[in-house]
Amino acid sequence: MTEGSTILVAGGAGFIGSHTCLELLDHGYDVVVVDNYSNSSPRALERVQKLAGRPLTAYEVDIRDRDALGEVFRAHPIEAVVHFAAKKAVGESMQIPLAYYDVNVGGTATLLRVMQAHGVHSLVFSSSCSIYGDARTLPLSEDSPAAPTNPYARSKWICEQMMADACARYPELSVIALRYFNPAGAHPSGELGEDPNGIPNNVMPYMAQVAVGRLDELAVFGGDYPTTDGSCVRDYIHVVDVADGHRLAVEHLADRAGLRVLNLGTGVGVSVLELIAAFSAACGVELPHRVTDRRPGDVPALVADAARVGHEWGWHTTRDLGDMCADAWRFQQLNPAGYGR
């Protein structure tokens, strides 16, 4: 894809989606968003346009609605799709697994069918490191075996398999699945950040709400994992770096057809307790927290080997944990009630 191409971003009002929309606009792409706003706000897209100084077009559409999605494809010269529209919380997926398969797998199948019907053959898929599951060796490369341990991870793995089957049937189809690790932080301006509906499922927005008193304390799920301090270890990656990876993926869709899988990560593992200490330092408040039982579906550690994407595209992270905490805290300070639904 080149400057001036029209890119459809499914789930573009969400945390990673909104940052990716801004990245695409900043690099000269025209952006069309579909989002049902089930866990996002249209105000995020207003902020995107303000920061970019350019407009985008947005539709309130659920990607499972084949007719409504088809209308969007008929209205715009879409050349590629970036697909974020999904449910994304490990713990929640253990409670409502069928909803996760309905949205994540069913929505992706519908999107692929509509793309095929309208002659769109280029897709960047928001996948997940959770596909690797309870890994025996770290860091995790793209060749590490898939061993998902919860419905969320399994739904992403099924989607990748579906895309592989579609690529085998339709040789013109080009799909890049980005398995990224734990996005965190916010846009440095403080205008864009993570503002989920209800109580956050992700740890950093939860910490930010504890810091401003919207929530009482943070629960650390498990203190007896085989890690340095007993809490889970994850590879946290700045959301702006993730957005940059998606924009680069759009640029490389034309390299070749078929399914390609690439990791995005820092290669640095950070425990939950270390993350709490880093965020406490950023906001100047000691965050109250307590260690509770393990959460079903969690694994001890997930850390990326992102050498392949660095070799193929020259992509690497540019921001560290301190930047993630400082930027997330800036967004919380400037938006104490989030986007203010």
Foldseek 3Di string as FASTA:
>chain_A
DAAAAEEEEEQLQAQLNLLLLLVNLLRRYAYEYEALPQWGDCVSQVLSCVVSVHHHHYDNDQLLPLVVVLVVVVVDVHQEYEYDFADAFQLVCQVVVVVRLCRLVSSLVSVVVSCVVSVHAHYEYAAALLQLPQDPDDDDFPPRDGDHFGSNNVSRVVSLVVQQVVCVVPVSHFYEYEHEWAEFAFPQVLSGHHDTPDQDSDDQVNQLLLLVPVDVAAEQAFQCAPDPRTGAKTFYAYSNLVSVVVVLSVVCRPVGHGYHYAYAGQQDIDGPVNLQVLLCVLSVHNGHYDYDHHRRRDYRYHGHDRVVCCVPRVRHGDDDSNNRSNRNNSNCVVCVPHSPD
